[in-house]
C-alpha atoms as a PDB file:
ATOM      1  CA  MET A   1    -195.631  13.644  61.986  1.00  0.00           C
ATOM      2  CA  THR A   2    -195.373  15.609  58.734  1.00  0.00           C
ATOM      3  CA  ASP A   3    -193.389  18.753  58.096  1.00  0.00           C
ATOM      4  CA  ALA A   4    -196.289  20.475  56.210  1.00  0.00           C
ATOM      5  CA  ARG A   5    -198.655  22.448  58.431  1.00  0.00           C
ATOM      6  CA  PRO A   6    -202.232  21.629  57.829  1.00  0.00           C
ATOM      7  CA  GLU A   7    -204.210  24.167  55.949  1.00  0.00           C
ATOM      8  CA  SER A   8    -205.173  26.966  58.311  1.00  0.00           C
ATOM      9  CA  ARG A   9    -208.894  26.599  58.695  1.00  0.00           C
ATOM     10  CA  ARG A  10    -211.542  27.147  61.359  1.00  0.00           C
ATOM     11  CA  MET A  11    -212.110  24.138  63.537  1.00  0.00           C
ATOM     12  CA  THR A  12    -215.530  23.986  65.134  1.00  0.00           C
ATOM     13  CA  ILE A  13    -215.586  22.176  68.443  1.00  0.00           C
ATOM     14  CA  SER A  14    -218.905  20.604  69.592  1.00  0.00           C
ATOM     15  CA  ASP A  15    -217.756  17.641  71.524  1.00  0.00           C
ATOM     16  CA  PRO A  16    -218.283  18.218  75.308  1.00  0.00           C
ATOM     17  CA  GLN A  17    -215.075  16.286  76.179  1.00  0.00           C
ATOM     18  CA  VAL A  18    -213.037  18.583  73.951  1.00  0.00           C
ATOM     19  CA  MET A  19    -214.752  21.664  75.264  1.00  0.00           C
ATOM     20  CA  ARG A  20    -214.008  20.618  78.787  1.00  0.00           C
ATOM     21  CA  ALA A  21    -210.380  20.046  77.858  1.00  0.00           C
ATOM     22  CA  LEU A  22    -210.304  23.660  76.645  1.00  0.00           C
ATOM     23  CA  ALA A  23    -212.021  25.058  79.737  1.00  0.00           C
ATOM     24  CA  HIS A  24    -208.758  25.293  81.720  1.00  0.00           C
ATOM     25  CA  PRO A  25    -206.828  28.599  82.190  1.00  0.00           C
ATOM     26  CA  ALA A  26    -203.456  27.032  81.498  1.00  0.00           C
ATOM     27  CA  ARG A  27    -204.720  25.379  78.352  1.00  0.00           C
ATOM     28  CA  ILE A  28    -206.274  28.537  77.162  1.00  0.00           C
ATOM     29  CA  ALA A  29    -202.898  30.276  77.633  1.00  0.00           C
ATOM     30  CA  ILE A  30    -201.013  27.378  75.907  1.00  0.00           C
ATOM     31  CA  MET A  31    -203.435  27.393  72.880  1.00  0.00           C
ATOM     32  CA  GLU A  32    -203.221  31.219  72.566  1.00  0.00           C
ATOM     33  CA  TYR A  33    -199.386  31.102  72.686  1.00  0.00           C
ATOM     34  CA  LEU A  34    -199.058  28.278  70.174  1.00  0.00           C
ATOM     35  CA  SER A  35    -201.585  29.786  67.717  1.00  0.00           C
ATOM     36  CA  SER A  36    -199.551  33.024  67.740  1.00  0.00           C
ATOM     37  CA  ARG A  37    -196.234  31.425  66.875  1.00  0.00           C
ATOM     38  CA  GLU A  38    -195.484  30.139  63.351  1.00  0.00           C
ATOM     39  CA  GLY A  39    -192.941  27.578  64.572  1.00  0.00           C
ATOM     40  CA  GLY A  40    -194.876  26.466  67.617  1.00  0.00           C
ATOM     41  CA  GLY A  41    -193.305  26.170  71.059  1.00  0.00           C
ATOM     42  CA  THR A  42    -191.837  23.837  73.623  1.00  0.00           C
ATOM     43  CA  ALA A  43    -193.320  22.878  76.978  1.00  0.00           C
ATOM     44  CA  THR A  44    -190.777  25.153  78.592  1.00  0.00           C
ATOM     45  CA  GLU A  45    -191.777  28.175  76.461  1.00  0.00           C
ATOM     46  CA  CYS A  46    -195.529  27.387  76.996  1.00  0.00           C
ATOM     47  CA  ALA A  47    -194.864  27.012  80.771  1.00  0.00           C
ATOM     48  CA  GLU A  48    -193.783  30.729  80.963  1.00  0.00           C
ATOM     49  CA  VAL A  49    -197.163  31.946  79.620  1.00  0.00           C
ATOM     50  CA  ALA A  50    -199.164  29.378  81.529  1.00  0.00           C
ATOM     51  CA  GLY A  51    -197.487  30.011  84.853  1.00  0.00           C
ATOM     52  CA  LEU A  52    -196.738  26.332  85.350  1.00  0.00           C
ATOM     53  CA  SER A  53    -193.705  24.102  85.508  1.00  0.00           C
ATOM     54  CA  PRO A  54    -192.544  22.566  82.122  1.00  0.00           C
ATOM     55  CA  SER A  55    -193.593  19.071  83.404  1.00  0.00           C
ATOM     56  CA  ALA A  56    -197.166  20.382  84.324  1.00  0.00           C
ATOM     57  CA  THR A  57    -197.299  22.078  80.927  1.00  0.00           C
ATOM     58  CA  SER A  58    -196.192  18.862  79.163  1.00  0.00           C
ATOM     59  CA  TYR A  59    -199.208  17.173  80.789  1.00  0.00           C
ATOM     60  CA  HIS A  60    -201.602  19.762  79.473  1.00  0.00           C
ATOM     61  CA  LEU A  61    -199.940  19.596  76.014  1.00  0.00           C
ATOM     62  CA  ARG A  62    -200.482  15.848  75.898  1.00  0.00           C
ATOM     63  CA  ALA A  63    -204.182  16.314  76.947  1.00  0.00           C
ATOM     64  CA  LEU A  64    -204.618  18.762  74.216  1.00  0.00           C
ATOM     65  CA  ALA A  65    -202.916  16.484  71.722  1.00  0.00           C
ATOM     66  CA  LYS A  66    -205.233  13.665  72.785  1.00  0.00           C
ATOM     67  CA  PHE A  67    -208.202  15.726  71.602  1.00  0.00           C
ATOM     68  CA  GLY A  68    -206.494  16.716  68.296  1.00  0.00           C
ATOM     69  CA  LEU A  69    -206.017  20.427  69.286  1.00  0.00           C
ATOM     70  CA  VAL A  70    -202.178  20.386  69.178  1.00  0.00           C
ATOM     71  CA  GLU A  71    -199.607  18.211  67.523  1.00  0.00           C
ATOM     72  CA  GLN A  72    -195.916  17.731  67.445  1.00  0.00           C
ATOM     73  CA  ALA A  73    -194.182  20.181  65.086  1.00  0.00           C
ATOM     74  CA  PRO A  74    -190.972  19.631  63.128  1.00  0.00           C
ATOM     75  CA  SER A  75    -187.879  19.909  65.236  1.00  0.00           C
ATOM     76  CA  ARG A  76    -185.966  23.183  65.237  1.00  0.00           C
ATOM     77  CA  GLY A  77    -182.712  21.369  64.969  1.00  0.00           C
ATOM     78  CA  ASP A  78    -182.302  19.989  68.448  1.00  0.00           C
ATOM     79  CA  ALA A  79    -183.757  16.402  68.329  1.00  0.00           C
ATOM     80  CA  ARG A  80    -184.117  16.416  72.104  1.00  0.00           C
ATOM     81  CA  GLU A  81    -186.456  19.379  71.972  1.00  0.00           C
ATOM     82  CA  ARG A  82    -190.200  18.581  71.542  1.00  0.00           C
ATOM     83  CA  VAL A  83    -191.921  21.322  69.693  1.00  0.00           C
ATOM     84  CA  TRP A  84    -195.756  21.661  69.666  1.00  0.00           C
ATOM     85  CA  ARG A  85    -198.111  23.541  67.381  1.00  0.00           C
ATOM     86  CA  THR A  86    -201.863  24.028  67.142  1.00  0.00           C
ATOM     87  CA  PHE A  87    -203.688  21.868  64.650  1.00  0.00           C
ATOM     88  CA  SER A  88    -205.773  24.938  63.711  1.00  0.00           C
ATOM     89  CA  PRO A  89    -205.109  28.499  65.003  1.00  0.00           C
ATOM     90  CA  ASN A  90    -208.764  29.314  64.396  1.00  0.00           C
ATOM     91  CA  LEU A  91    -211.072  27.557  66.915  1.00  0.00           C
ATOM     92  CA  MET A  92    -214.709  28.052  67.458  1.00  0.00           C
ATOM     93  CA  VAL A  93    -216.694  26.408  70.243  1.00  0.00           C
ATOM     94  CA  ASP A  94    -220.299  25.746  69.308  1.00  0.00           C
ATOM     95  CA  ALA A  95    -222.384  23.050  71.015  1.00  0.00           C
ATOM     96  CA  GLY A  96    -225.065  23.518  68.375  1.00  0.00           C
ATOM     97  CA  ARG A  97    -228.763  24.554  68.650  1.00  0.00           C
ATOM     98  CA  GLU A  98    -229.908  21.041  69.449  1.00  0.00           C
ATOM     99  CA  ALA A  99    -227.154  20.423  72.089  1.00  0.00           C
ATOM    100  CA  GLY A 100    -228.051  18.504  75.209  1.00  0.00           C
ATOM    101  CA  VAL A 101    -227.488  19.504  78.856  1.00  0.00           C
ATOM    102  CA  GLU A 102    -223.888  18.009  78.920  1.00  0.00           C
ATOM    103  CA  ALA A 103    -222.840  19.855  75.722  1.00  0.00           C
ATOM    104  CA  ARG A 104    -224.332  23.136  76.960  1.00  0.00           C
ATOM    105  CA  ALA A 105    -222.604  22.868  80.270  1.00  0.00           C
ATOM    106  CA  ALA A 106    -219.298  22.202  78.670  1.00  0.00           C
ATOM    107  CA  GLU A 107    -219.738  25.080  76.161  1.00  0.00           C
ATOM    108  CA  TRP A 108    -220.628  27.342  79.219  1.00  0.00           C
ATOM    109  CA  ALA A 109    -217.414  26.317  80.970  1.00  0.00           C
ATOM    110  CA  VAL A 110    -215.283  27.292  78.014  1.00  0.00           C
ATOM    111  CA  VAL A 111    -216.964  30.590  77.651  1.00  0.00           C
ATOM    112  CA  GLU A 112    -216.662  31.247  81.398  1.00  0.00           C
ATOM    113  CA  ALA A 113    -213.002  30.471  81.351  1.00  0.00           C
ATOM    114  CA  HIS A 114    -212.328  32.805  78.356  1.00  0.00           C
ATOM    115  CA  ALA A 115    -214.492  35.568  79.932  1.00  0.00           C
ATOM    116  CA  ALA A 116    -212.478  35.339  83.159  1.00  0.00           C
ATOM    117  CA  ARG A 117    -209.202  35.666  81.170  1.00  0.00           C
ATOM    118  CA  ASP A 118    -210.557  38.657  79.273  1.00  0.00           C
ATOM    119  CA  LEU A 119    -211.664  40.323  82.469  1.00  0.00           C
ATOM    120  CA  GLY A 120    -208.248  39.555  84.068  1.00  0.00           C
ATOM    121  CA  ARG A 121    -206.535  41.312  81.134  1.00  0.00           C
ATOM    122  CA  THR A 122    -208.831  44.313  81.413  1.00  0.00           C
ATOM    123  CA  ARG A 123    -208.134  44.623  85.125  1.00  0.00           C
ATOM    124  CA  ASP A 124    -204.435  44.271  84.633  1.00  0.00           C
ATOM    125  CA  TRP A 125    -204.555  47.103  81.988  1.00  0.00           C
ATOM    126  CA  LEU A 126    -206.443  49.380  84.428  1.00  0.00           C
ATOM    127  CA  ARG A 127    -203.973  48.699  87.195  1.00  0.00           C
ATOM    128  CA  ARG A 128    -201.014  49.710  85.113  1.00  0.00           C
ATOM    129  CA  ALA A 129    -202.533  52.200  82.651  1.00  0.00           C
ATOM    130  CA  GLY A 130    -201.138  55.232  84.398  1.00  0.00           C
ATOM    131  CA  ASP A 131    -197.642  53.805  83.947  1.00  0.00           C
ATOM    132  CA  GLU A 132    -198.005  53.287  80.222  1.00  0.00           C
ATOM    133  CA  PRO A 133    -196.541  55.517  77.524  1.00  0.00           C
ATOM    134  CA  PRO A 134    -199.021  58.108  76.402  1.00  0.00           C
ATOM    135  CA  GLU A 135    -199.286  56.761  72.865  1.00  0.00           C
ATOM    136  CA  TRP A 136    -200.623  53.442  74.353  1.00  0.00           C
ATOM    137  CA  TYR A 137    -202.681  55.073  77.112  1.00  0.00           C
ATOM    138  CA  ASP A 138    -204.410  57.366  74.549  1.00  0.00           C
ATOM    139  CA  VAL A 139    -205.493  54.530  72.202  1.00  0.00           C
ATOM    140  CA  ALA A 140    -206.791  52.002  74.673  1.00  0.00           C
ATOM    141  CA  LEU A 141    -210.548  51.833  74.211  1.00  0.00           C
ATOM    142  CA  PHE A 142    -213.488  50.507  76.264  1.00  0.00           C
ATOM    143  CA  ASN A 143    -216.720  50.642  74.297  1.00  0.00           C
ATOM    144  CA  ASN A 144    -220.079  49.261  75.077  1.00  0.00           C
ATOM    145  CA  THR A 145    -222.702  50.028  72.399  1.00  0.00           C
ATOM    146  CA  LEU A 146    -226.296  48.869  72.096  1.00  0.00           C
ATOM    147  CA  LEU A 147    -227.373  48.648  68.434  1.00  0.00           C
ATOM    148  CA  LEU A 148    -230.701  47.949  66.841  1.00  0.00           C
ATOM    149  CA  LEU A 149    -230.065  45.388  64.011  1.00  0.00           C
ATOM    150  CA  THR A 150    -231.739  42.715  62.000  1.00  0.00           C
ATOM    151  CA  ALA A 151    -230.214  39.305  61.981  1.00  0.00           C
ATOM    152  CA  GLU A 152    -228.804  40.006  58.434  1.00  0.00           C
ATOM    153  CA  GLU A 153    -227.334  43.294  59.535  1.00  0.00           C
ATOM    154  CA  LEU A 154    -225.674  41.595  62.537  1.00  0.00           C
ATOM    155  CA  ALA A 155    -224.206  38.956  60.216  1.00  0.00           C
ATOM    156  CA  SER A 156    -222.832  41.740  57.984  1.00  0.00           C
ATOM    157  CA  LEU A 157    -221.424  43.588  60.935  1.00  0.00           C
ATOM    158  CA  ASN A 158    -219.699  40.431  62.194  1.00  0.00           C
ATOM    159  CA  GLU A 159    -218.154  39.846  58.780  1.00  0.00           C
ATOM    160  CA  ALA A 160    -216.992  43.435  58.584  1.00  0.00           C
ATOM    161  CA  VAL A 161    -215.373  43.367  61.971  1.00  0.00           C
ATOM    162  CA  SER A 162    -213.686  39.952  61.193  1.00  0.00           C
ATOM    163  CA  ALA A 163    -212.358  41.393  57.948  1.00  0.00           C
ATOM    164  CA  LEU A 164    -210.969  44.388  59.732  1.00  0.00           C
ATOM    165  CA  LEU A 165    -209.154  42.213  62.291  1.00  0.00           C
ATOM    166  CA  GLU A 166    -207.794  39.589  59.936  1.00  0.00           C
ATOM    167  CA  PRO A 167    -204.644  41.401  58.696  1.00  0.00           C
ATOM    168  CA  TYR A 168    -203.546  42.030  62.315  1.00  0.00           C
ATOM    169  CA  ARG A 169    -204.481  38.492  63.379  1.00  0.00           C
ATOM    170  CA  GLN A 170    -202.204  37.109  60.564  1.00  0.00           C
ATOM    171  CA  ARG A 171    -199.395  39.504  61.744  1.00  0.00           C
ATOM    172  CA  ARG A 172    -199.216  37.746  65.165  1.00  0.00           C
ATOM    173  CA  ARG A 173    -197.682  34.705  63.434  1.00  0.00           C
ATOM    174  CA  GLN A 174    -194.977  36.732  61.660  1.00  0.00           C
ATOM    175  CA  ALA A 175    -191.358  36.520  62.870  1.00  0.00           C
ATOM    176  CA  ASP A 176    -190.613  40.329  62.399  1.00  0.00           C
ATOM    177  CA  PRO A 177    -193.509  42.490  63.567  1.00  0.00           C
ATOM    178  CA  PRO A 178    -193.354  46.222  62.908  1.00  0.00           C
ATOM    179  CA  PRO A 179    -191.267  48.153  65.412  1.00  0.00           C
ATOM    180  CA  GLY A 180    -193.172  49.107  68.539  1.00  0.00           C
ATOM    181  CA  ALA A 181    -195.927  46.485  67.943  1.00  0.00           C
ATOM    182  CA  ARG A 182    -197.413  44.826  71.089  1.00  0.00           C
ATOM    183  CA  ALA A 183    -199.961  42.136  71.573  1.00  0.00           C
ATOM    184  CA  VAL A 184    -203.326  43.733  72.055  1.00  0.00           C
ATOM    185  CA  ALA A 185    -206.443  41.946  73.377  1.00  0.00           C
ATOM    186  CA  VAL A 186    -209.518  42.803  71.300  1.00  0.00           C
ATOM    187  CA  HIS A 187    -212.732  41.532  72.776  1.00  0.00           C
ATOM    188  CA  TYR A 188    -215.696  41.593  70.366  1.00  0.00           C
ATOM    189  CA  ARG A 189    -219.071  40.111  71.272  1.00  0.00           C
ATOM    190  CA  ALA A 190    -222.341  40.645  69.465  1.00  0.00           C
ATOM    191  CA  VAL A 191    -225.178  38.941  71.292  1.00  0.00           C
ATOM    192  CA  PRO A 192    -228.912  39.680  70.900  1.00  0.00           C
ATOM    193  CA  LEU A 193    -230.600  40.802  74.099  1.00  0.00           C
ATOM    194  CA  ALA A 194    -233.810  39.406  75.413  1.00  0.00           C
END
């Protein structure tokens, strides 16, 4: 284990076994939590967000480590404490255009697991929206827009949206966010229709 964190880069996952390892709600929660924390987290900390016991969470962390998705991080000073971090906070699942049936099924499983998480978050917001402070209630947005684009225009749009989100994505890893900042789920999908 080294103290230096690997260069933050996008990791593309195309291996069906690794995709299946990611297609678990607890592992999605763990990966999201670890990718948002500069110093990583322990199994106990991850257990809180995954809704599992620390021992069950340790099992999932070891499984993620087996596939190179997480690694042990430098200790925070307590040598008994095992700290984990993501190898790369930027993951992309892509079976590839020429993928076989097994890889497509694994890719589908990851997409379905993330879609279920996204839908759950949206439903949770709708259940509690009336109890939220007005400044948060007023800025929540649901938008579904159909556009007529060329492939080149869609590529440009995707790049522009990514560029807009990047400063806020980086902020999630900072120790001192601005006062009043909250985690906000932004779902962006741009898929051509048949």
